[in-house]
Amino acid sequence: MKYEILTAVFYRHTFSQGSGYEGFSVGVPAHTAKCMSQHGLICKPVRDGFLLLHHTKAMDVLLKEKLRLVFDLALKDALFYNYTQLSAGNIAGSFFRFNNEQERASAELLHKDAFVKEEDFRPLTDLTEKYFVKPFGQVTLLLDEQLLSSYYISFQARATRWCYFLMSEDLKALSHPAIIGTNGNGHFDLPVTVTLPDNTKAPVLISKAPVPLGAAAAHAFQLVDYTDAAAGRYKVIIPSLPAPDISRISNAAAALYEKGNNYSEIFLY
């Protein structure tokens, strides 16, 4: 029997620049599986989403029935909340609800705004079934004449102020250290010496504004030592600085941090 794609749902995250996001898996609740079987529909998971397939014989009447199908999303990435721009709130008592019926910033999105926000959370009491493990989210698709060929669930990466600590004696001995973009523009404050939790001291350079986190470094910075700051002459010490490690959470320079900002710490040796 021949099947064709009726519609598709894809996951996107600005942290995974240039490619689909692979942090979710899809599940089909029993009531949805039964409905799909009765109407010749198949859910096919793909790397960054899932496809809803139909056999061509049923297509002429399917959309007139205005079926609503519910799919469960499970989170596969334990570090998701470390790099996603969300105020997580009561994660244990909530789930995300996505659908193609609400008012949305774009017709292809399954949430109201351009990116998923806290407003897309729903309390677990809104789930119509009991779960041993609660879903990360649920996708409800209305199959009618307005059904699009594809939909998207899009998350935004967290933006933090990046903090580079000069830890080795060689780096601490630099005369006029600075961090600049590879295009020569300065994006960081001048170094400030801080006392670390082990009572040692180290210079730290903090970005002037929040920088989005990303799996592939879209922001290229380098450590330099100015030999003539007035003339803009410097020696490159580290030509390509590492981005923050999303699995590492530290607060070594807490005394310098401003309320309302998120910070990421990177230690250079």
C-alpha atoms as a PDB file:
ATOM      1  CA  MET A   1       0.000   0.000   0.000  1.00  0.00           C
ATOM      2  CA  LYS A   2       1.354   3.425  -0.962  1.00  0.00           C
ATOM      3  CA  TYR A   3       1.806   6.064   1.740  1.00  0.00           C
ATOM      4  CA  GLU A   4       2.453   9.780   1.376  1.00  0.00           C
ATOM      5  CA  ILE A   5       3.395  12.515   3.847  1.00  0.00           C
ATOM      6  CA  LEU A   6       0.308  14.254   5.178  1.00  0.00           C
ATOM      7  CA  THR A   7       2.182  16.671   7.446  1.00  0.00           C
ATOM      8  CA  ALA A   8       5.391  16.840   9.490  1.00  0.00           C
ATOM      9  CA  VAL A   9       6.577  18.307  12.787  1.00  0.00           C
ATOM     10  CA  PHE A  10      10.199  19.418  13.127  1.00  0.00           C
ATOM     11  CA  TYR A  11      12.184  20.523  16.184  1.00  0.00           C
ATOM     12  CA  ARG A  12      14.483  23.530  16.011  1.00  0.00           C
ATOM     13  CA  HIS A  13      16.842  25.141  18.523  1.00  0.00           C
ATOM     14  CA  THR A  14      19.125  28.120  17.925  1.00  0.00           C
ATOM     15  CA  PHE A  15      21.752  26.330  20.041  1.00  0.00           C
ATOM     16  CA  SER A  16      22.061  23.784  17.194  1.00  0.00           C
ATOM     17  CA  GLN A  17      22.878  26.288  14.493  1.00  0.00           C
ATOM     18  CA  GLY A  18      22.363  25.226  10.907  1.00  0.00           C
ATOM     19  CA  SER A  19      20.695  21.894  11.629  1.00  0.00           C
ATOM     20  CA  GLY A  20      17.595  20.360  13.143  1.00  0.00           C
ATOM     21  CA  TYR A  21      17.414  19.677  16.863  1.00  0.00           C
ATOM     22  CA  GLU A  22      17.656  16.035  17.930  1.00  0.00           C
ATOM     23  CA  GLY A  23      16.832  16.360  21.631  1.00  0.00           C
ATOM     24  CA  PHE A  24      13.303  14.901  21.549  1.00  0.00           C
ATOM     25  CA  SER A  25      11.639  11.611  20.745  1.00  0.00           C
ATOM     26  CA  VAL A  26       7.984  11.160  19.846  1.00  0.00           C
ATOM     27  CA  GLY A  27       5.484   8.713  21.336  1.00  0.00           C
ATOM     28  CA  VAL A  28       1.935   7.849  20.307  1.00  0.00           C
ATOM     29  CA  PRO A  29      -0.653   7.511  23.116  1.00  0.00           C
ATOM     30  CA  ALA A  30      -3.039   4.559  22.907  1.00  0.00           C
ATOM     31  CA  HIS A  31      -6.109   6.601  21.922  1.00  0.00           C
ATOM     32  CA  THR A  32      -4.172   8.320  19.120  1.00  0.00           C
ATOM     33  CA  ALA A  33      -2.722   5.013  17.913  1.00  0.00           C
ATOM     34  CA  LYS A  34      -6.232   3.552  17.686  1.00  0.00           C
ATOM     35  CA  CYS A  35      -7.551   6.560  15.748  1.00  0.00           C
ATOM     36  CA  MET A  36      -4.596   6.474  13.366  1.00  0.00           C
ATOM     37  CA  SER A  37      -5.061   2.776  12.703  1.00  0.00           C
ATOM     38  CA  GLN A  38      -8.729   3.326  11.858  1.00  0.00           C
ATOM     39  CA  HIS A  39      -7.848   6.070   9.361  1.00  0.00           C
ATOM     40  CA  GLY A  40      -4.791   4.609   7.681  1.00  0.00           C
ATOM     41  CA  LEU A  41      -2.252   6.926   9.333  1.00  0.00           C
ATOM     42  CA  ILE A  42       1.316   6.171  10.427  1.00  0.00           C
ATOM     43  CA  CYS A  43       3.696   8.198  12.620  1.00  0.00           C
ATOM     44  CA  LYS A  44       7.281   7.957  11.379  1.00  0.00           C
ATOM     45  CA  PRO A  45      10.006   9.432  13.633  1.00  0.00           C
ATOM     46  CA  VAL A  46      12.895  11.180  11.872  1.00  0.00           C
ATOM     47  CA  ARG A  47      16.121  12.633  13.219  1.00  0.00           C
ATOM     48  CA  ASP A  48      14.684  16.058  14.095  1.00  0.00           C
ATOM     49  CA  GLY A  49      10.930  15.484  14.214  1.00  0.00           C
ATOM     50  CA  PHE A  50       8.266  13.128  12.947  1.00  0.00           C
ATOM     51  CA  LEU A  51       6.193  12.582   9.811  1.00  0.00           C
ATOM     52  CA  LEU A  52       2.491  11.779   9.666  1.00  0.00           C
ATOM     53  CA  LEU A  53       1.889   9.442   6.742  1.00  0.00           C
ATOM     54  CA  HIS A  54      -1.425   8.461   5.139  1.00  0.00           C
ATOM     55  CA  HIS A  55      -2.378   5.950   2.502  1.00  0.00           C
ATOM     56  CA  THR A  56      -3.669   7.698  -0.573  1.00  0.00           C
ATOM     57  CA  LYS A  57      -7.039   5.936  -0.711  1.00  0.00           C
ATOM     58  CA  ALA A  58      -8.264   7.734   2.431  1.00  0.00           C
ATOM     59  CA  MET A  59      -7.078  11.250   1.584  1.00  0.00           C
ATOM     60  CA  ASP A  60     -10.263  12.523  -0.055  1.00  0.00           C
ATOM     61  CA  VAL A  61     -12.331  12.195   3.125  1.00  0.00           C
ATOM     62  CA  LEU A  62      -9.713  12.357   5.881  1.00  0.00           C
ATOM     63  CA  LEU A  63      -9.445  16.124   6.282  1.00  0.00           C
ATOM     64  CA  LYS A  64     -13.230  16.550   6.332  1.00  0.00           C
ATOM     65  CA  GLU A  65     -13.399  14.479   9.524  1.00  0.00           C
ATOM     66  CA  LYS A  66     -11.330  17.091  11.447  1.00  0.00           C
ATOM     67  CA  LEU A  67      -9.458  14.566  13.538  1.00  0.00           C
ATOM     68  CA  ARG A  68      -7.359  15.692  16.492  1.00  0.00           C
ATOM     69  CA  LEU A  69      -4.276  13.614  17.132  1.00  0.00           C
ATOM     70  CA  VAL A  70      -2.115  13.886  20.247  1.00  0.00           C
ATOM     71  CA  PHE A  71       1.584  12.984  20.310  1.00  0.00           C
ATOM     72  CA  ASP A  72       3.889  12.831  23.326  1.00  0.00           C
ATOM     73  CA  LEU A  73       7.359  14.361  23.304  1.00  0.00           C
ATOM     74  CA  ALA A  74      10.103  12.969  25.548  1.00  0.00           C
ATOM     75  CA  LEU A  75      13.262  14.948  26.321  1.00  0.00           C
ATOM     76  CA  LYS A  76      16.488  13.063  25.562  1.00  0.00           C
ATOM     77  CA  ASP A  77      19.029  15.755  26.509  1.00  0.00           C
ATOM     78  CA  ALA A  78      19.642  16.103  30.250  1.00  0.00           C
ATOM     79  CA  LEU A  79      21.422  19.451  29.683  1.00  0.00           C
ATOM     80  CA  PHE A  80      18.515  21.028  27.795  1.00  0.00           C
ATOM     81  CA  TYR A  81      17.638  23.581  30.473  1.00  0.00           C
ATOM     82  CA  ASN A  82      21.303  24.613  30.843  1.00  0.00           C
ATOM     83  CA  TYR A  83      21.372  26.192  27.381  1.00  0.00           C
ATOM     84  CA  THR A  84      17.714  27.000  26.646  1.00  0.00           C
ATOM     85  CA  GLN A  85      16.193  30.441  27.225  1.00  0.00           C
ATOM     86  CA  LEU A  86      13.423  29.463  29.623  1.00  0.00           C
ATOM     87  CA  SER A  87      12.478  30.170  33.192  1.00  0.00           C
ATOM     88  CA  ALA A  88      11.819  26.536  33.917  1.00  0.00           C
ATOM     89  CA  GLY A  89       9.602  27.060  36.967  1.00  0.00           C
ATOM     90  CA  ASN A  90       7.815  23.937  38.159  1.00  0.00           C
ATOM     91  CA  ILE A  91       9.273  21.483  35.639  1.00  0.00           C
ATOM     92  CA  ALA A  92       8.188  18.424  37.622  1.00  0.00           C
ATOM     93  CA  GLY A  93       4.576  19.574  37.741  1.00  0.00           C
ATOM     94  CA  SER A  94       4.234  20.884  34.193  1.00  0.00           C
ATOM     95  CA  PHE A  95       4.489  19.950  30.530  1.00  0.00           C
ATOM     96  CA  PHE A  96       4.590  21.902  27.269  1.00  0.00           C
ATOM     97  CA  ARG A  97       1.501  21.981  25.076  1.00  0.00           C
ATOM     98  CA  PHE A  98       1.848  22.636  21.356  1.00  0.00           C
ATOM     99  CA  ASN A  99      -0.959  22.776  18.783  1.00  0.00           C
ATOM    100  CA  ASN A 100      -1.903  24.180  15.388  1.00  0.00           C
ATOM    101  CA  GLU A 101      -5.175  25.796  16.463  1.00  0.00           C
ATOM    102  CA  GLN A 102      -4.104  28.675  18.713  1.00  0.00           C
ATOM    103  CA  GLU A 103      -3.170  32.144  17.482  1.00  0.00           C
ATOM    104  CA  ARG A 104       0.506  32.020  16.506  1.00  0.00           C
ATOM    105  CA  ALA A 105       3.297  34.351  15.388  1.00  0.00           C
ATOM    106  CA  SER A 106       3.648  32.223  12.261  1.00  0.00           C
ATOM    107  CA  ALA A 107       1.237  29.651  10.834  1.00  0.00           C
ATOM    108  CA  GLU A 108       3.952  26.984  10.767  1.00  0.00           C
ATOM    109  CA  LEU A 109       4.708  27.296  14.471  1.00  0.00           C
ATOM    110  CA  LEU A 110       2.981  25.162  17.085  1.00  0.00           C
ATOM    111  CA  HIS A 111       3.316  27.816  19.812  1.00  0.00           C
ATOM    112  CA  LYS A 112       2.185  31.427  20.163  1.00  0.00           C
ATOM    113  CA  ASP A 113       5.488  33.296  19.929  1.00  0.00           C
ATOM    114  CA  ALA A 114       8.538  32.926  17.700  1.00  0.00           C
ATOM    115  CA  PHE A 115      10.155  30.695  20.336  1.00  0.00           C
ATOM    116  CA  VAL A 116       8.731  28.451  23.038  1.00  0.00           C
ATOM    117  CA  LYS A 117       8.225  30.363  26.277  1.00  0.00           C
ATOM    118  CA  GLU A 118       7.078  29.717  29.824  1.00  0.00           C
ATOM    119  CA  GLU A 119       3.519  30.532  28.705  1.00  0.00           C
ATOM    120  CA  ASP A 120       3.492  27.236  26.802  1.00  0.00           C
ATOM    121  CA  PHE A 121       3.717  25.289  30.085  1.00  0.00           C
ATOM    122  CA  ARG A 122       0.552  23.579  31.338  1.00  0.00           C
ATOM    123  CA  PRO A 123      -0.078  21.890  34.711  1.00  0.00           C
ATOM    124  CA  LEU A 124      -0.064  18.101  34.762  1.00  0.00           C
ATOM    125  CA  THR A 125      -3.754  18.184  35.668  1.00  0.00           C
ATOM    126  CA  ASP A 126      -4.388  19.145  32.023  1.00  0.00           C
ATOM    127  CA  LEU A 127      -3.200  15.716  30.856  1.00  0.00           C
ATOM    128  CA  THR A 128      -6.131  13.531  29.892  1.00  0.00           C
ATOM    129  CA  GLU A 129      -4.262  10.286  30.596  1.00  0.00           C
ATOM    130  CA  LYS A 130      -2.197   9.026  33.512  1.00  0.00           C
ATOM    131  CA  TYR A 131       1.539   8.634  32.868  1.00  0.00           C
ATOM    132  CA  PHE A 132       4.191   6.697  34.763  1.00  0.00           C
ATOM    133  CA  VAL A 133       6.697   9.218  33.356  1.00  0.00           C
ATOM    134  CA  LYS A 134       5.232  12.565  32.408  1.00  0.00           C
ATOM    135  CA  PRO A 135       5.881  13.770  28.849  1.00  0.00           C
ATOM    136  CA  PHE A 136       8.098  16.770  28.220  1.00  0.00           C
ATOM    137  CA  GLY A 137       5.342  18.046  25.974  1.00  0.00           C
ATOM    138  CA  GLN A 138       2.309  17.155  23.895  1.00  0.00           C
ATOM    139  CA  VAL A 139       1.595  18.048  20.290  1.00  0.00           C
ATOM    140  CA  THR A 140      -2.051  18.229  19.230  1.00  0.00           C
ATOM    141  CA  LEU A 141      -2.662  18.380  15.491  1.00  0.00           C
ATOM    142  CA  LEU A 142      -6.039  19.250  14.021  1.00  0.00           C
ATOM    143  CA  LEU A 143      -6.322  17.567  10.623  1.00  0.00           C
ATOM    144  CA  ASP A 144      -8.576  19.763   8.518  1.00  0.00           C
ATOM    145  CA  GLU A 145      -8.539  21.656   5.222  1.00  0.00           C
ATOM    146  CA  GLN A 146      -6.128  24.252   6.687  1.00  0.00           C
ATOM    147  CA  LEU A 147      -3.491  21.626   7.547  1.00  0.00           C
ATOM    148  CA  LEU A 148      -0.002  22.693   6.460  1.00  0.00           C
ATOM    149  CA  SER A 149       2.649  20.409   5.013  1.00  0.00           C
ATOM    150  CA  SER A 150       4.993  21.070   7.963  1.00  0.00           C
ATOM    151  CA  TYR A 151       5.088  22.605  11.437  1.00  0.00           C
ATOM    152  CA  TYR A 152       7.906  23.658  13.760  1.00  0.00           C
ATOM    153  CA  ILE A 153       8.629  23.758  17.482  1.00  0.00           C
ATOM    154  CA  SER A 154      11.429  26.280  18.012  1.00  0.00           C
ATOM    155  CA  PHE A 155      13.529  26.961  21.120  1.00  0.00           C
ATOM    156  CA  GLN A 156      15.941  29.824  21.716  1.00  0.00           C
ATOM    157  CA  ALA A 157      19.412  29.419  23.200  1.00  0.00           C
ATOM    158  CA  ARG A 158      20.174  31.117  26.504  1.00  0.00           C
ATOM    159  CA  ALA A 159      22.262  34.284  26.248  1.00  0.00           C
ATOM    160  CA  THR A 160      24.840  34.757  29.016  1.00  0.00           C
ATOM    161  CA  ARG A 161      27.696  37.095  29.794  1.00  0.00           C
ATOM    162  CA  TRP A 162      30.834  35.089  29.102  1.00  0.00           C
ATOM    163  CA  CYS A 163      33.595  35.263  31.718  1.00  0.00           C
ATOM    164  CA  TYR A 164      37.153  34.248  30.828  1.00  0.00           C
ATOM    165  CA  PHE A 165      39.483  33.571  33.786  1.00  0.00           C
ATOM    166  CA  LEU A 166      43.262  33.748  33.226  1.00  0.00           C
ATOM    167  CA  MET A 167      44.468  30.881  35.390  1.00  0.00           C
ATOM    168  CA  SER A 168      48.039  30.007  34.387  1.00  0.00           C
ATOM    169  CA  GLU A 169      51.011  32.058  35.567  1.00  0.00           C
ATOM    170  CA  ASP A 170      51.888  32.896  31.944  1.00  0.00           C
ATOM    171  CA  LEU A 171      48.437  34.332  31.313  1.00  0.00           C
ATOM    172  CA  LYS A 172      48.373  36.208  34.606  1.00  0.00           C
ATOM    173  CA  ALA A 173      51.697  37.813  33.648  1.00  0.00           C
ATOM    174  CA  LEU A 174      50.329  39.435  30.460  1.00  0.00           C
ATOM    175  CA  SER A 175      50.802  43.219  30.536  1.00  0.00           C
ATOM    176  CA  HIS A 176      47.563  44.388  28.912  1.00  0.00           C
ATOM    177  CA  PRO A 177      45.324  41.374  28.233  1.00  0.00           C
ATOM    178  CA  ALA A 178      42.075  41.816  26.334  1.00  0.00           C
ATOM    179  CA  ILE A 179      39.491  39.703  24.569  1.00  0.00           C
ATOM    180  CA  ILE A 180      38.339  40.842  21.166  1.00  0.00           C
ATOM    181  CA  GLY A 181      36.360  39.417  18.301  1.00  0.00           C
ATOM    182  CA  THR A 182      38.325  37.913  15.433  1.00  0.00           C
ATOM    183  CA  ASN A 183      37.216  40.932  13.380  1.00  0.00           C
ATOM    184  CA  GLY A 184      39.130  43.185  15.797  1.00  0.00           C
ATOM    185  CA  ASN A 185      36.142  44.611  17.635  1.00  0.00           C
ATOM    186  CA  GLY A 186      36.187  44.652  21.423  1.00  0.00           C
ATOM    187  CA  HIS A 187      33.321  42.953  23.199  1.00  0.00           C
ATOM    188  CA  PHE A 188      34.719  42.486  26.707  1.00  0.00           C
ATOM    189  CA  ASP A 189      35.455  44.684  29.696  1.00  0.00           C
ATOM    190  CA  LEU A 190      39.020  45.154  30.903  1.00  0.00           C
ATOM    191  CA  PRO A 191      40.265  42.447  33.282  1.00  0.00           C
ATOM    192  CA  VAL A 192      39.354  42.599  36.955  1.00  0.00           C
ATOM    193  CA  THR A 193      41.205  40.540  39.572  1.00  0.00           C
ATOM    194  CA  VAL A 194      38.936  38.314  41.659  1.00  0.00           C
ATOM    195  CA  THR A 195      39.532  36.021  44.606  1.00  0.00           C
ATOM    196  CA  LEU A 196      38.497  32.462  43.734  1.00  0.00           C
ATOM    197  CA  PRO A 197      36.888  30.008  46.170  1.00  0.00           C
ATOM    198  CA  ASP A 198      40.325  28.455  46.881  1.00  0.00           C
ATOM    199  CA  ASN A 199      41.603  31.941  47.873  1.00  0.00           C
ATOM    200  CA  THR A 200      43.842  32.279  44.811  1.00  0.00           C
ATOM    201  CA  LYS A 201      43.509  35.355  42.608  1.00  0.00           C
ATOM    202  CA  ALA A 202      42.939  35.521  38.874  1.00  0.00           C
ATOM    203  CA  PRO A 203      42.065  38.192  36.300  1.00  0.00           C
ATOM    204  CA  VAL A 204      38.646  37.759  34.705  1.00  0.00           C
ATOM    205  CA  LEU A 205      37.337  39.413  31.538  1.00  0.00           C
ATOM    206  CA  ILE A 206      33.543  39.617  31.196  1.00  0.00           C
ATOM    207  CA  SER A 207      31.586  40.282  28.015  1.00  0.00           C
ATOM    208  CA  LYS A 208      29.877  43.657  27.924  1.00  0.00           C
ATOM    209  CA  ALA A 209      26.595  42.116  26.754  1.00  0.00           C
ATOM    210  CA  PRO A 210      25.037  38.632  26.820  1.00  0.00           C
ATOM    211  CA  VAL A 211      26.268  36.252  24.109  1.00  0.00           C
ATOM    212  CA  PRO A 212      24.024  33.407  22.876  1.00  0.00           C
ATOM    213  CA  LEU A 213      25.218  29.913  23.643  1.00  0.00           C
ATOM    214  CA  GLY A 214      25.732  27.603  20.701  1.00  0.00           C
ATOM    215  CA  ALA A 215      26.907  24.080  19.925  1.00  0.00           C
ATOM    216  CA  ALA A 216      29.011  25.490  17.096  1.00  0.00           C
ATOM    217  CA  ALA A 217      30.804  28.695  18.046  1.00  0.00           C
ATOM    218  CA  ALA A 218      29.139  31.455  16.039  1.00  0.00           C
ATOM    219  CA  HIS A 219      31.039  34.014  18.101  1.00  0.00           C
ATOM    220  CA  ALA A 220      34.813  33.810  17.653  1.00  0.00           C
ATOM    221  CA  PHE A 221      36.909  35.531  20.312  1.00  0.00           C
ATOM    222  CA  GLN A 222      40.651  35.675  20.876  1.00  0.00           C
ATOM    223  CA  LEU A 223      42.868  36.584  23.801  1.00  0.00           C
ATOM    224  CA  VAL A 224      45.419  39.272  22.974  1.00  0.00           C
ATOM    225  CA  ASP A 225      48.042  41.297  24.816  1.00  0.00           C
ATOM    226  CA  TYR A 226      48.256  44.941  23.755  1.00  0.00           C
ATOM    227  CA  THR A 227      51.766  46.215  23.068  1.00  0.00           C
ATOM    228  CA  ASP A 228      50.465  49.663  22.097  1.00  0.00           C
ATOM    229  CA  ALA A 229      46.826  50.140  23.022  1.00  0.00           C
ATOM    230  CA  ALA A 230      46.687  53.684  21.615  1.00  0.00           C
ATOM    231  CA  ALA A 231      47.815  52.445  18.206  1.00  0.00           C
ATOM    232  CA  GLY A 232      45.730  49.289  18.437  1.00  0.00           C
ATOM    233  CA  ARG A 233      48.744  47.003  18.245  1.00  0.00           C
ATOM    234  CA  TYR A 234      48.596  43.686  20.028  1.00  0.00           C
ATOM    235  CA  LYS A 235      49.998  40.172  20.105  1.00  0.00           C
ATOM    236  CA  VAL A 236      47.572  37.274  19.756  1.00  0.00           C
ATOM    237  CA  ILE A 237      47.959  34.903  22.709  1.00  0.00           C
ATOM    238  CA  ILE A 238      45.093  32.461  22.083  1.00  0.00           C
ATOM    239  CA  PRO A 239      43.678  32.806  18.550  1.00  0.00           C
ATOM    240  CA  SER A 240      40.422  30.956  19.190  1.00  0.00           C
ATOM    241  CA  LEU A 241      38.895  30.883  22.650  1.00  0.00           C
ATOM    242  CA  PRO A 242      36.604  28.044  23.744  1.00  0.00           C
ATOM    243  CA  ALA A 243      32.900  28.601  24.205  1.00  0.00           C
ATOM    244  CA  PRO A 244      31.278  27.872  27.587  1.00  0.00           C
ATOM    245  CA  ASP A 245      30.901  24.235  28.590  1.00  0.00           C
ATOM    246  CA  ILE A 246      27.154  23.808  29.091  1.00  0.00           C
ATOM    247  CA  SER A 247      27.712  20.861  31.430  1.00  0.00           C
ATOM    248  CA  ARG A 248      29.727  23.001  33.837  1.00  0.00           C
ATOM    249  CA  ILE A 249      28.011  25.362  36.259  1.00  0.00           C
ATOM    250  CA  SER A 250      30.192  27.523  38.503  1.00  0.00           C
ATOM    251  CA  ASN A 251      29.982  30.848  40.281  1.00  0.00           C
ATOM    252  CA  ALA A 252      33.611  31.762  40.881  1.00  0.00           C
ATOM    253  CA  ALA A 253      33.237  35.524  40.362  1.00  0.00           C
ATOM    254  CA  ALA A 254      29.846  35.966  42.007  1.00  0.00           C
ATOM    255  CA  ALA A 255      30.942  39.190  43.689  1.00  0.00           C
ATOM    256  CA  LEU A 256      31.152  40.878  40.270  1.00  0.00           C
ATOM    257  CA  TYR A 257      27.896  39.649  38.837  1.00  0.00           C
ATOM    258  CA  GLU A 258      24.961  41.978  38.313  1.00  0.00           C
ATOM    259  CA  LYS A 259      21.470  40.926  39.281  1.00  0.00           C
ATOM    260  CA  GLY A 260      19.294  39.967  36.325  1.00  0.00           C
ATOM    261  CA  ASN A 261      22.166  38.613  34.218  1.00  0.00           C
ATOM    262  CA  ASN A 262      23.208  35.019  33.577  1.00  0.00           C
ATOM    263  CA  TYR A 263      26.917  34.246  33.456  1.00  0.00           C
ATOM    264  CA  SER A 264      29.046  31.486  31.932  1.00  0.00           C
ATOM    265  CA  GLU A 265      32.557  30.864  33.250  1.00  0.00           C
ATOM    266  CA  ILE A 266      35.479  29.627  31.133  1.00  0.00           C
ATOM    267  CA  PHE A 267      38.883  28.947  32.720  1.00  0.00           C
ATOM    268  CA  LEU A 268      41.986  29.404  30.558  1.00  0.00           C
ATOM    269  CA  TYR A 269      45.255  27.658  31.461  1.00  0.00           C
END
